Amino acid sequence: MYMAGYAVECLLKTKLMRVYGCRTLRDLETELQRRGVLAEQATVFTHQLELLLRLTQRLEPLRQHRTLWPQFTLVNRWLPAWRYTADLSNRRDASDFLEAVGQIMHWIESNV
């Protein structure tokens, strides 16, 4: 499950880099700060999915989506530290999480 969270994170960062014409995360951070989209003390070197989605300026449209917002809420619980937790969930929870990741990634691909 923890690798699926990284997939969402990487997709969001890739989309941001394309939108802003950046080749590296450092360039992206500089560009977002220059434009006033990202606070000076903030960083794109984060695993916070909601922050990354907010930077795409597509958080509100997803929040308004009655079906997908709960899916994003589930995906947004992801933490990189899950890799250290062997007994994280049961099969159903894992299946639900992976299904939510698939739906959110599809939405990001189509809407960002």
PDB file of N, CA and C in Angstrom:
ATOM      1  N   MET A   1       0.818  -1.195   0.000  1.00  0.00           N
ATOM      2  CA  MET A   1       0.000   0.000   0.000  1.00  0.00           C
ATOM      3  C   MET A   1       0.863   1.261   0.000  1.00  0.00           C
ATOM      4  N   TYR A   2       1.983   1.184   0.697  1.00  0.00           N
ATOM      5  CA  TYR A   2       2.735   2.433   0.823  1.00  0.00           C
ATOM      6  C   TYR A   2       3.303   2.891  -0.512  1.00  0.00           C
ATOM      7  N   MET A   3       3.615   1.976  -1.420  1.00  0.00           N
ATOM      8  CA  MET A   3       4.127   2.370  -2.740  1.00  0.00           C
ATOM      9  C   MET A   3       3.048   3.079  -3.558  1.00  0.00           C
ATOM     10  N   ALA A   4       1.797   2.726  -3.363  1.00  0.00           N
ATOM     11  CA  ALA A   4       0.702   3.375  -4.094  1.00  0.00           C
ATOM     12  C   ALA A   4       0.602   4.848  -3.718  1.00  0.00           C
ATOM     13  N   GLY A   5       0.866   5.169  -2.477  1.00  0.00           N
ATOM     14  CA  GLY A   5       0.873   6.570  -2.061  1.00  0.00           C
ATOM     15  C   GLY A   5       1.954   7.356  -2.775  1.00  0.00           C
ATOM     16  N   TYR A   6       3.117   6.741  -2.932  1.00  0.00           N
ATOM     17  CA  TYR A   6       4.192   7.402  -3.679  1.00  0.00           C
ATOM     18  C   TYR A   6       3.787   7.638  -5.132  1.00  0.00           C
ATOM     19  N   ALA A   7       3.010   6.731  -5.700  1.00  0.00           N
ATOM     20  CA  ALA A   7       2.559   6.903  -7.085  1.00  0.00           C
ATOM     21  C   ALA A   7       1.718   8.170  -7.222  1.00  0.00           C
ATOM     22  N   VAL A   8       0.827   8.402  -6.271  1.00  0.00           N
ATOM     23  CA  VAL A   8       0.002   9.618  -6.295  1.00  0.00           C
ATOM     24  C   VAL A   8       0.892  10.841  -6.113  1.00  0.00           C
ATOM     25  N   GLU A   9       1.798  10.780  -5.158  1.00  0.00           N
ATOM     26  CA  GLU A   9       2.716  11.899  -4.917  1.00  0.00           C
ATOM     27  C   GLU A   9       3.518  12.231  -6.177  1.00  0.00           C
ATOM     28  N   CYS A  10       4.082  11.223  -6.798  1.00  0.00           N
ATOM     29  CA  CYS A  10       4.903  11.454  -7.992  1.00  0.00           C
ATOM     30  C   CYS A  10       4.073  11.991  -9.148  1.00  0.00           C
ATOM     31  N   LEU A  11       2.853  11.512  -9.301  1.00  0.00           N
ATOM     32  CA  LEU A  11       1.988  12.018 -10.365  1.00  0.00           C
ATOM     33  C   LEU A  11       1.682  13.496 -10.144  1.00  0.00           C
ATOM     34  N   LEU A  12       1.357  13.872  -8.926  1.00  0.00           N
ATOM     35  CA  LEU A  12       1.079  15.283  -8.634  1.00  0.00           C
ATOM     36  C   LEU A  12       2.307  16.154  -8.911  1.00  0.00           C
ATOM     37  N   LYS A  13       3.467  15.706  -8.484  1.00  0.00           N
ATOM     38  CA  LYS A  13       4.688  16.480  -8.713  1.00  0.00           C
ATOM     39  C   LYS A  13       5.013  16.569 -10.200  1.00  0.00           C
ATOM     40  N   THR A  14       4.807  15.488 -10.929  1.00  0.00           N
ATOM     41  CA  THR A  14       5.041  15.501 -12.375  1.00  0.00           C
ATOM     42  C   THR A  14       4.111  16.480 -13.063  1.00  0.00           C
ATOM     43  N   LYS A  15       2.845  16.457 -12.686  1.00  0.00           N
ATOM     44  CA  LYS A  15       1.878  17.388 -13.278  1.00  0.00           C
ATOM     45  C   LYS A  15       2.274  18.833 -12.989  1.00  0.00           C
ATOM     46  N   LEU A  16       2.672  19.114 -11.761  1.00  0.00           N
ATOM     47  CA  LEU A  16       3.104  20.468 -11.404  1.00  0.00           C
ATOM     48  C   LEU A  16       4.325  20.886 -12.222  1.00  0.00           C
ATOM     49  N   MET A  17       5.275  19.987 -12.383  1.00  0.00           N
ATOM     50  CA  MET A  17       6.474  20.314 -13.148  1.00  0.00           C
ATOM     51  C   MET A  17       6.137  20.606 -14.605  1.00  0.00           C
ATOM     52  N   ARG A  18       5.198  19.865 -15.158  1.00  0.00           N
ATOM     53  CA  ARG A  18       4.783  20.123 -16.546  1.00  0.00           C
ATOM     54  C   ARG A  18       4.067  21.457 -16.673  1.00  0.00           C
ATOM     55  N   VAL A  19       3.145  21.724 -15.761  1.00  0.00           N
ATOM     56  CA  VAL A  19       2.375  22.971 -15.810  1.00  0.00           C
ATOM     57  C   VAL A  19       3.303  24.183 -15.734  1.00  0.00           C
ATOM     58  N   TYR A  20       4.305  24.113 -14.872  1.00  0.00           N
ATOM     59  CA  TYR A  20       5.188  25.256 -14.655  1.00  0.00           C
ATOM     60  C   TYR A  20       6.485  25.176 -15.463  1.00  0.00           C
ATOM     61  N   GLY A  21       6.614  24.172 -16.314  1.00  0.00           N
ATOM     62  CA  GLY A  21       7.775  24.068 -17.189  1.00  0.00           C
ATOM     63  C   GLY A  21       9.090  23.869 -16.456  1.00  0.00           C
ATOM     64  N   CYS A  22       9.073  23.047 -15.427  1.00  0.00           N
ATOM     65  CA  CYS A  22      10.274  22.819 -14.616  1.00  0.00           C
ATOM     66  C   CYS A  22      10.795  21.402 -14.821  1.00  0.00           C
ATOM     67  N   ARG A  23      12.108  21.269 -14.737  1.00  0.00           N
ATOM     68  CA  ARG A  23      12.731  19.959 -14.925  1.00  0.00           C
ATOM     69  C   ARG A  23      13.138  19.295 -13.613  1.00  0.00           C
ATOM     70  N   THR A  24      13.197  20.062 -12.548  1.00  0.00           N
ATOM     71  CA  THR A  24      13.567  19.507 -11.244  1.00  0.00           C
ATOM     72  C   THR A  24      12.607  20.033 -10.177  1.00  0.00           C
ATOM     73  N   LEU A  25      12.551  19.320  -9.066  1.00  0.00           N
ATOM     74  CA  LEU A  25      11.715  19.785  -7.955  1.00  0.00           C
ATOM     75  C   LEU A  25      12.236  21.098  -7.388  1.00  0.00           C
ATOM     76  N   ARG A  26      13.543  21.269  -7.363  1.00  0.00           N
ATOM     77  CA  ARG A  26      14.111  22.533  -6.872  1.00  0.00           C
ATOM     78  C   ARG A  26      13.641  23.688  -7.753  1.00  0.00           C
ATOM     79  N   ASP A  27      13.671  23.491  -9.083  1.00  0.00           N
ATOM     80  CA  ASP A  27      13.183  24.528 -10.004  1.00  0.00           C
ATOM     81  C   ASP A  27      11.701  24.798  -9.779  1.00  0.00           C
ATOM     82  N   LEU A  28      10.935  23.731  -9.553  1.00  0.00           N
ATOM     83  CA  LEU A  28       9.503  23.881  -9.303  1.00  0.00           C
ATOM     84  C   LEU A  28       9.267  24.703  -8.044  1.00  0.00           C
ATOM     85  N   GLU A  29       9.974  24.375  -6.992  1.00  0.00           N
ATOM     86  CA  GLU A  29       9.816  25.110  -5.741  1.00  0.00           C
ATOM     87  C   GLU A  29      10.137  26.591  -5.937  1.00  0.00           C
ATOM     88  N   THR A  30      11.228  26.873  -6.613  1.00  0.00           N
ATOM     89  CA  THR A  30      11.622  28.263  -6.873  1.00  0.00           C
ATOM     90  C   THR A  30      10.557  28.987  -7.682  1.00  0.00           C
ATOM     91  N   GLU A  31      10.042  28.327  -8.711  1.00  0.00           N
ATOM     92  CA  GLU A  31       9.024  28.946  -9.573  1.00  0.00           C
ATOM     93  C   GLU A  31       7.725  29.193  -8.811  1.00  0.00           C
ATOM     94  N   LEU A  32       7.295  28.242  -8.013  1.00  0.00           N
ATOM     95  CA  LEU A  32       6.068  28.415  -7.235  1.00  0.00           C
ATOM     96  C   LEU A  32       6.221  29.530  -6.209  1.00  0.00           C
ATOM     97  N   GLN A  33       7.379  29.622  -5.595  1.00  0.00           N
ATOM     98  CA  GLN A  33       7.624  30.705  -4.639  1.00  0.00           C
ATOM     99  C   GLN A  33       7.688  32.049  -5.354  1.00  0.00           C
ATOM    100  N   ARG A  34       8.322  32.090  -6.517  1.00  0.00           N
ATOM    101  CA  ARG A  34       8.415  33.329  -7.289  1.00  0.00           C
ATOM    102  C   ARG A  34       7.032  33.845  -7.661  1.00  0.00           C
ATOM    103  N   ARG A  35       6.133  32.923  -8.001  1.00  0.00           N
ATOM    104  CA  ARG A  35       4.771  33.293  -8.391  1.00  0.00           C
ATOM    105  C   ARG A  35       3.863  33.550  -7.190  1.00  0.00           C
ATOM    106  N   GLY A  36       4.338  33.288  -5.995  1.00  0.00           N
ATOM    107  CA  GLY A  36       3.527  33.490  -4.803  1.00  0.00           C
ATOM    108  C   GLY A  36       2.532  32.374  -4.550  1.00  0.00           C
ATOM    109  N   VAL A  37       2.688  31.266  -5.246  1.00  0.00           N
ATOM    110  CA  VAL A  37       1.798  30.112  -5.069  1.00  0.00           C
ATOM    111  C   VAL A  37       2.219  29.296  -3.850  1.00  0.00           C
ATOM    112  N   LEU A  38       3.505  29.293  -3.568  1.00  0.00           N
ATOM    113  CA  LEU A  38       4.070  28.540  -2.448  1.00  0.00           C
ATOM    114  C   LEU A  38       4.773  29.522  -1.520  1.00  0.00           C
ATOM    115  N   ALA A  39       4.451  29.460  -0.248  1.00  0.00           N
ATOM    116  CA  ALA A  39       5.077  30.353   0.733  1.00  0.00           C
ATOM    117  C   ALA A  39       6.587  30.117   0.779  1.00  0.00           C
ATOM    118  N   GLU A  40       7.325  31.149   1.121  1.00  0.00           N
ATOM    119  CA  GLU A  40       8.792  31.065   1.170  1.00  0.00           C
ATOM    120  C   GLU A  40       9.286  29.936   2.076  1.00  0.00           C
ATOM    121  N   GLN A  41       8.618  29.711   3.193  1.00  0.00           N
ATOM    122  CA  GLN A  41       9.057  28.688   4.137  1.00  0.00           C
ATOM    123  C   GLN A  41       8.520  27.299   3.783  1.00  0.00           C
ATOM    124  N   ALA A  42       7.632  27.217   2.808  1.00  0.00           N
ATOM    125  CA  ALA A  42       7.052  25.931   2.402  1.00  0.00           C
ATOM    126  C   ALA A  42       7.954  25.249   1.373  1.00  0.00           C
ATOM    127  N   THR A  43       7.670  23.983   1.111  1.00  0.00           N
ATOM    128  CA  THR A  43       8.499  23.223   0.183  1.00  0.00           C
ATOM    129  C   THR A  43       7.664  22.236  -0.622  1.00  0.00           C
ATOM    130  N   VAL A  44       8.141  21.909  -1.809  1.00  0.00           N
ATOM    131  CA  VAL A  44       7.513  20.850  -2.598  1.00  0.00           C
ATOM    132  C   VAL A  44       8.157  19.504  -2.280  1.00  0.00           C
ATOM    133  N   PHE A  45       9.214  19.533  -1.475  1.00  0.00           N
ATOM    134  CA  PHE A  45       9.860  18.301  -1.039  1.00  0.00           C
ATOM    135  C   PHE A  45       9.077  17.758   0.150  1.00  0.00           C
ATOM    136  N   THR A  46       7.858  17.348  -0.120  1.00  0.00           N
ATOM    137  CA  THR A  46       6.915  16.916   0.899  1.00  0.00           C
ATOM    138  C   THR A  46       6.176  15.678   0.414  1.00  0.00           C
ATOM    139  N   HIS A  47       5.610  14.960   1.357  1.00  0.00           N
ATOM    140  CA  HIS A  47       4.761  13.814   1.034  1.00  0.00           C
ATOM    141  C   HIS A  47       3.292  14.148   1.296  1.00  0.00           C
ATOM    142  N   GLN A  48       2.984  15.404   1.550  1.00  0.00           N
ATOM    143  CA  GLN A  48       1.623  15.825   1.875  1.00  0.00           C
ATOM    144  C   GLN A  48       0.802  15.944   0.590  1.00  0.00           C
ATOM    145  N   LEU A  49      -0.024  14.955   0.343  1.00  0.00           N
ATOM    146  CA  LEU A  49      -0.782  14.899  -0.904  1.00  0.00           C
ATOM    147  C   LEU A  49      -1.753  16.063  -1.046  1.00  0.00           C
ATOM    148  N   GLU A  50      -2.400  16.451   0.038  1.00  0.00           N
ATOM    149  CA  GLU A  50      -3.359  17.556  -0.057  1.00  0.00           C
ATOM    150  C   GLU A  50      -2.658  18.866  -0.414  1.00  0.00           C
ATOM    151  N   LEU A  51      -1.490  19.105   0.143  1.00  0.00           N
ATOM    152  CA  LEU A  51      -0.730  20.308  -0.215  1.00  0.00           C
ATOM    153  C   LEU A  51      -0.364  20.282  -1.696  1.00  0.00           C
ATOM    154  N   LEU A  52       0.114  19.151  -2.176  1.00  0.00           N
ATOM    155  CA  LEU A  52       0.488  19.046  -3.589  1.00  0.00           C
ATOM    156  C   LEU A  52      -0.726  19.245  -4.487  1.00  0.00           C
ATOM    157  N   LEU A  53      -1.857  18.676  -4.106  1.00  0.00           N
ATOM    158  CA  LEU A  53      -3.076  18.873  -4.886  1.00  0.00           C
ATOM    159  C   LEU A  53      -3.489  20.339  -4.860  1.00  0.00           C
ATOM    160  N   ARG A  54      -3.373  20.982  -3.716  1.00  0.00           N
ATOM    161  CA  ARG A  54      -3.708  22.407  -3.607  1.00  0.00           C
ATOM    162  C   ARG A  54      -2.840  23.230  -4.563  1.00  0.00           C
ATOM    163  N   LEU A  55      -1.572  22.874  -4.693  1.00  0.00           N
ATOM    164  CA  LEU A  55      -0.668  23.602  -5.588  1.00  0.00           C
ATOM    165  C   LEU A  55      -1.077  23.479  -7.055  1.00  0.00           C
ATOM    166  N   THR A  56      -1.808  22.424  -7.399  1.00  0.00           N
ATOM    167  CA  THR A  56      -2.304  22.277  -8.777  1.00  0.00           C
ATOM    168  C   THR A  56      -3.514  23.168  -9.032  1.00  0.00           C
ATOM    169  N   GLN A  57      -4.036  23.767  -7.977  1.00  0.00           N
ATOM    170  CA  GLN A  57      -5.242  24.596  -8.027  1.00  0.00           C
ATOM    171  C   GLN A  57      -6.473  23.782  -8.441  1.00  0.00           C
ATOM    172  N   ARG A  58      -6.462  22.508  -8.115  1.00  0.00           N
ATOM    173  CA  ARG A  58      -7.581  21.618  -8.432  1.00  0.00           C
ATOM    174  C   ARG A  58      -8.170  20.979  -7.175  1.00  0.00           C
ATOM    175  N   LEU A  59      -7.785  21.472  -6.002  1.00  0.00           N
ATOM    176  CA  LEU A  59      -8.315  20.917  -4.755  1.00  0.00           C
ATOM    177  C   LEU A  59      -9.815  21.135  -4.652  1.00  0.00           C
ATOM    178  N   GLU A  60     -10.272  22.345  -4.907  1.00  0.00           N
ATOM    179  CA  GLU A  60     -11.703  22.642  -4.752  1.00  0.00           C
ATOM    180  C   GLU A  60     -12.583  21.842  -5.709  1.00  0.00           C
ATOM    181  N   PRO A  61     -12.225  21.722  -6.986  1.00  0.00           N
ATOM    182  CA  PRO A  61     -13.062  20.877  -7.853  1.00  0.00           C
ATOM    183  C   PRO A  61     -13.161  19.431  -7.353  1.00  0.00           C
ATOM    184  N   LEU A  62     -12.066  18.899  -6.830  1.00  0.00           N
ATOM    185  CA  LEU A  62     -12.125  17.538  -6.294  1.00  0.00           C
ATOM    186  C   LEU A  62     -12.961  17.509  -5.022  1.00  0.00           C
ATOM    187  N   ARG A  63     -12.825  18.515  -4.191  1.00  0.00           N
ATOM    188  CA  ARG A  63     -13.603  18.584  -2.946  1.00  0.00           C
ATOM    189  C   ARG A  63     -15.109  18.600  -3.244  1.00  0.00           C
ATOM    190  N   GLN A  64     -15.508  19.191  -4.342  1.00  0.00           N
ATOM    191  CA  GLN A  64     -16.919  19.278  -4.725  1.00  0.00           C
ATOM    192  C   GLN A  64     -17.455  17.968  -5.309  1.00  0.00           C
ATOM    193  N   HIS A  65     -16.570  17.064  -5.653  1.00  0.00           N
ATOM    194  CA  HIS A  65     -16.970  15.790  -6.268  1.00  0.00           C
ATOM    195  C   HIS A  65     -17.418  14.827  -5.168  1.00  0.00           C
ATOM    196  N   ARG A  66     -18.705  14.555  -5.115  1.00  0.00           N
ATOM    197  CA  ARG A  66     -19.279  13.749  -4.021  1.00  0.00           C
ATOM    198  C   ARG A  66     -18.718  12.337  -3.937  1.00  0.00           C
ATOM    199  N   THR A  67     -18.400  11.753  -5.070  1.00  0.00           N
ATOM    200  CA  THR A  67     -17.904  10.379  -5.082  1.00  0.00           C
ATOM    201  C   THR A  67     -16.405  10.305  -4.830  1.00  0.00           C
ATOM    202  N   LEU A  68     -15.653  11.202  -5.464  1.00  0.00           N
ATOM    203  CA  LEU A  68     -14.199  11.104  -5.391  1.00  0.00           C
ATOM    204  C   LEU A  68     -13.578  11.760  -4.162  1.00  0.00           C
ATOM    205  N   TRP A  69     -14.251  12.748  -3.575  1.00  0.00           N
ATOM    206  CA  TRP A  69     -13.655  13.380  -2.395  1.00  0.00           C
ATOM    207  C   TRP A  69     -13.429  12.373  -1.261  1.00  0.00           C
ATOM    208  N   PRO A  70     -14.393  11.500  -0.947  1.00  0.00           N
ATOM    209  CA  PRO A  70     -14.115  10.489   0.081  1.00  0.00           C
ATOM    210  C   PRO A  70     -12.959   9.566  -0.310  1.00  0.00           C
ATOM    211  N   GLN A  71     -12.817   9.294  -1.602  1.00  0.00           N
ATOM    212  CA  GLN A  71     -11.700   8.472  -2.059  1.00  0.00           C
ATOM    213  C   GLN A  71     -10.377   9.201  -1.815  1.00  0.00           C
ATOM    214  N   PHE A  72     -10.352  10.502  -2.122  1.00  0.00           N
ATOM    215  CA  PHE A  72      -9.130  11.264  -1.868  1.00  0.00           C
ATOM    216  C   PHE A  72      -8.831  11.323  -0.373  1.00  0.00           C
ATOM    217  N   THR A  73      -9.860  11.475   0.426  1.00  0.00           N
ATOM    218  CA  THR A  73      -9.671  11.510   1.879  1.00  0.00           C
ATOM    219  C   THR A  73      -9.004  10.225   2.359  1.00  0.00           C
ATOM    220  N   LEU A  74      -9.412   9.099   1.803  1.00  0.00           N
ATOM    221  CA  LEU A  74      -8.789   7.818   2.140  1.00  0.00           C
ATOM    222  C   LEU A  74      -7.327   7.797   1.691  1.00  0.00           C
ATOM    223  N   VAL A  75      -7.070   8.186   0.451  1.00  0.00           N
ATOM    224  CA  VAL A  75      -5.706   8.191  -0.078  1.00  0.00           C
ATOM    225  C   VAL A  75      -4.827   9.162   0.711  1.00  0.00           C
ATOM    226  N   ASN A  76      -5.393  10.272   1.125  1.00  0.00           N
ATOM    227  CA  ASN A  76      -4.638  11.303   1.834  1.00  0.00           C
ATOM    228  C   ASN A  76      -4.184  10.857   3.226  1.00  0.00           C
ATOM    229  N   ARG A  77      -4.692   9.746   3.711  1.00  0.00           N
ATOM    230  CA  ARG A  77      -4.238   9.199   5.000  1.00  0.00           C
ATOM    231  C   ARG A  77      -2.861   8.546   4.880  1.00  0.00           C
ATOM    232  N   TRP A  78      -2.432   8.337   3.642  1.00  0.00           N
ATOM    233  CA  TRP A  78      -1.165   7.666   3.371  1.00  0.00           C
ATOM    234  C   TRP A  78       0.002   8.376   4.045  1.00  0.00           C
ATOM    235  N   LEU A  79       0.910   7.568   4.563  1.00  0.00           N
ATOM    236  CA  LEU A  79       2.148   8.069   5.166  1.00  0.00           C
ATOM    237  C   LEU A  79       3.315   7.212   4.681  1.00  0.00           C
ATOM    238  N   PRO A  80       4.432   7.823   4.327  1.00  0.00           N
ATOM    239  CA  PRO A  80       5.598   7.030   3.938  1.00  0.00           C
ATOM    240  C   PRO A  80       6.040   6.063   5.034  1.00  0.00           C
ATOM    241  N   ALA A  81       5.749   6.383   6.284  1.00  0.00           N
ATOM    242  CA  ALA A  81       6.141   5.526   7.410  1.00  0.00           C
ATOM    243  C   ALA A  81       5.434   4.173   7.390  1.00  0.00           C
ATOM    244  N   TRP A  82       4.416   4.031   6.538  1.00  0.00           N
ATOM    245  CA  TRP A  82       3.737   2.734   6.450  1.00  0.00           C
ATOM    246  C   TRP A  82       4.709   1.616   6.087  1.00  0.00           C
ATOM    247  N   ARG A  83       5.801   1.950   5.440  1.00  0.00           N
ATOM    248  CA  ARG A  83       6.750   0.908   5.036  1.00  0.00           C
ATOM    249  C   ARG A  83       7.360   0.202   6.244  1.00  0.00           C
ATOM    250  N   TYR A  84       7.292   0.835   7.397  1.00  0.00           N
ATOM    251  CA  TYR A  84       7.860   0.249   8.606  1.00  0.00           C
ATOM    252  C   TYR A  84       6.837  -0.550   9.401  1.00  0.00           C
ATOM    253  N   THR A  85       5.597  -0.595   8.923  1.00  0.00           N
ATOM    254  CA  THR A  85       4.519  -1.241   9.655  1.00  0.00           C
ATOM    255  C   THR A  85       4.080  -2.501   8.914  1.00  0.00           C
ATOM    256  N   ALA A  86       4.480  -3.632   9.418  1.00  0.00           N
ATOM    257  CA  ALA A  86       4.166  -4.893   8.748  1.00  0.00           C
ATOM    258  C   ALA A  86       2.679  -5.227   8.828  1.00  0.00           C
ATOM    259  N   ASP A  87       2.043  -4.940   9.944  1.00  0.00           N
ATOM    260  CA  ASP A  87       0.647  -5.297  10.161  1.00  0.00           C
ATOM    261  C   ASP A  87      -0.224  -4.055   9.995  1.00  0.00           C
ATOM    262  N   LEU A  88      -0.246  -3.512   8.787  1.00  0.00           N
ATOM    263  CA  LEU A  88      -0.910  -2.242   8.539  1.00  0.00           C
ATOM    264  C   LEU A  88      -2.421  -2.375   8.399  1.00  0.00           C
ATOM    265  N   SER A  89      -2.868  -3.373   7.668  1.00  0.00           N
ATOM    266  CA  SER A  89      -4.303  -3.473   7.410  1.00  0.00           C
ATOM    267  C   SER A  89      -4.660  -4.887   6.990  1.00  0.00           C
ATOM    268  N   ASN A  90      -5.945  -5.068   6.788  1.00  0.00           N
ATOM    269  CA  ASN A  90      -6.410  -6.353   6.285  1.00  0.00           C
ATOM    270  C   ASN A  90      -6.570  -6.274   4.764  1.00  0.00           C
ATOM    271  N   ARG A  91      -6.911  -7.378   4.163  1.00  0.00           N
ATOM    272  CA  ARG A  91      -7.022  -7.451   2.704  1.00  0.00           C
ATOM    273  C   ARG A  91      -8.063  -6.468   2.160  1.00  0.00           C
ATOM    274  N   ARG A  92      -9.183  -6.352   2.827  1.00  0.00           N
ATOM    275  CA  ARG A  92     -10.237  -5.448   2.349  1.00  0.00           C
ATOM    276  C   ARG A  92      -9.792  -3.987   2.400  1.00  0.00           C
ATOM    277  N   ASP A  93      -9.165  -3.584   3.509  1.00  0.00           N
ATOM    278  CA  ASP A  93      -8.666  -2.209   3.614  1.00  0.00           C
ATOM    279  C   ASP A  93      -7.648  -1.913   2.519  1.00  0.00           C
ATOM    280  N   ALA A  94      -6.765  -2.868   2.280  1.00  0.00           N
ATOM    281  CA  ALA A  94      -5.757  -2.689   1.232  1.00  0.00           C
ATOM    282  C   ALA A  94      -6.417  -2.571  -0.132  1.00  0.00           C
ATOM    283  N   SER A  95      -7.400  -3.407  -0.385  1.00  0.00           N
ATOM    284  CA  SER A  95      -8.119  -3.358  -1.661  1.00  0.00           C
ATOM    285  C   SER A  95      -8.845  -2.028  -1.836  1.00  0.00           C
ATOM    286  N   ASP A  96      -9.506  -1.572  -0.783  1.00  0.00           N
ATOM    287  CA  ASP A  96     -10.209  -0.282  -0.832  1.00  0.00           C
ATOM    288  C   ASP A  96      -9.231   0.858  -1.093  1.00  0.00           C
ATOM    289  N   PHE A  97      -8.086   0.808  -0.422  1.00  0.00           N
ATOM    290  CA  PHE A  97      -7.087   1.860  -0.599  1.00  0.00           C
ATOM    291  C   PHE A  97      -6.564   1.868  -2.037  1.00  0.00           C
ATOM    292  N   LEU A  98      -6.233   0.705  -2.558  1.00  0.00           N
ATOM    293  CA  LEU A  98      -5.697   0.636  -3.922  1.00  0.00           C
ATOM    294  C   LEU A  98      -6.738   1.048  -4.954  1.00  0.00           C
ATOM    295  N   GLU A  99      -7.984   0.721  -4.727  1.00  0.00           N
ATOM    296  CA  GLU A  99      -9.061   1.165  -5.618  1.00  0.00           C
ATOM    297  C   GLU A  99      -9.171   2.688  -5.585  1.00  0.00           C
ATOM    298  N   ALA A 100      -9.107   3.258  -4.396  1.00  0.00           N
ATOM    299  CA  ALA A 100      -9.172   4.717  -4.263  1.00  0.00           C
ATOM    300  C   ALA A 100      -7.990   5.375  -4.963  1.00  0.00           C
ATOM    301  N   VAL A 101      -6.808   4.819  -4.811  1.00  0.00           N
ATOM    302  CA  VAL A 101      -5.623   5.356  -5.484  1.00  0.00           C
ATOM    303  C   VAL A 101      -5.832   5.352  -6.993  1.00  0.00           C
ATOM    304  N   GLY A 102      -6.341   4.254  -7.526  1.00  0.00           N
ATOM    305  CA  GLY A 102      -6.589   4.181  -8.967  1.00  0.00           C
ATOM    306  C   GLY A 102      -7.559   5.246  -9.439  1.00  0.00           C
ATOM    307  N   GLN A 103      -8.631   5.447  -8.699  1.00  0.00           N
ATOM    308  CA  GLN A 103      -9.621   6.454  -9.078  1.00  0.00           C
ATOM    309  C   GLN A 103      -9.048   7.864  -8.993  1.00  0.00           C
ATOM    310  N   ILE A 104      -8.286   8.137  -7.960  1.00  0.00           N
ATOM    311  CA  ILE A 104      -7.702   9.472  -7.791  1.00  0.00           C
ATOM    312  C   ILE A 104      -6.640   9.730  -8.852  1.00  0.00           C
ATOM    313  N   MET A 105      -5.839   8.735  -9.161  1.00  0.00           N
ATOM    314  CA  MET A 105      -4.829   8.923 -10.205  1.00  0.00           C
ATOM    315  C   MET A 105      -5.488   9.186 -11.555  1.00  0.00           C
ATOM    316  N   HIS A 106      -6.563   8.486 -11.833  1.00  0.00           N
ATOM    317  CA  HIS A 106      -7.295   8.729 -13.082  1.00  0.00           C
ATOM    318  C   HIS A 106      -7.832  10.161 -13.106  1.00  0.00           C
ATOM    319  N   TRP A 107      -8.388  10.612 -11.995  1.00  0.00           N
ATOM    320  CA  TRP A 107      -8.914  11.981 -11.926  1.00  0.00           C
ATOM    321  C   TRP A 107      -7.795  13.003 -12.128  1.00  0.00           C
ATOM    322  N   ILE A 108      -6.662  12.788 -11.485  1.00  0.00           N
ATOM    323  CA  ILE A 108      -5.532  13.711 -11.637  1.00  0.00           C
ATOM    324  C   ILE A 108      -5.081  13.749 -13.094  1.00  0.00           C
ATOM    325  N   GLU A 109      -4.949  12.593 -13.705  1.00  0.00           N
ATOM    326  CA  GLU A 109      -4.534  12.537 -15.115  1.00  0.00           C
ATOM    327  C   GLU A 109      -5.482  13.331 -16.000  1.00  0.00           C
ATOM    328  N   SER A 110      -6.760  13.256 -15.717  1.00  0.00           N
ATOM    329  CA  SER A 110      -7.771  13.897 -16.563  1.00  0.00           C
ATOM    330  C   SER A 110      -8.034  15.355 -16.226  1.00  0.00           C
ATOM    331  N   ASN A 111      -7.699  15.788 -15.014  1.00  0.00           N
ATOM    332  CA  ASN A 111      -8.136  17.106 -14.549  1.00  0.00           C
ATOM    333  C   ASN A 111      -7.028  18.070 -14.149  1.00  0.00           C
ATOM    334  N   VAL A 112      -5.808  17.623 -14.161  1.00  0.00           N
ATOM    335  CA  VAL A 112      -4.700  18.525 -13.775  1.00  0.00           C
ATOM    336  C   VAL A 112      -3.838  18.779 -14.992  1.00  0.00           C
TER     337      VAL A 112
END
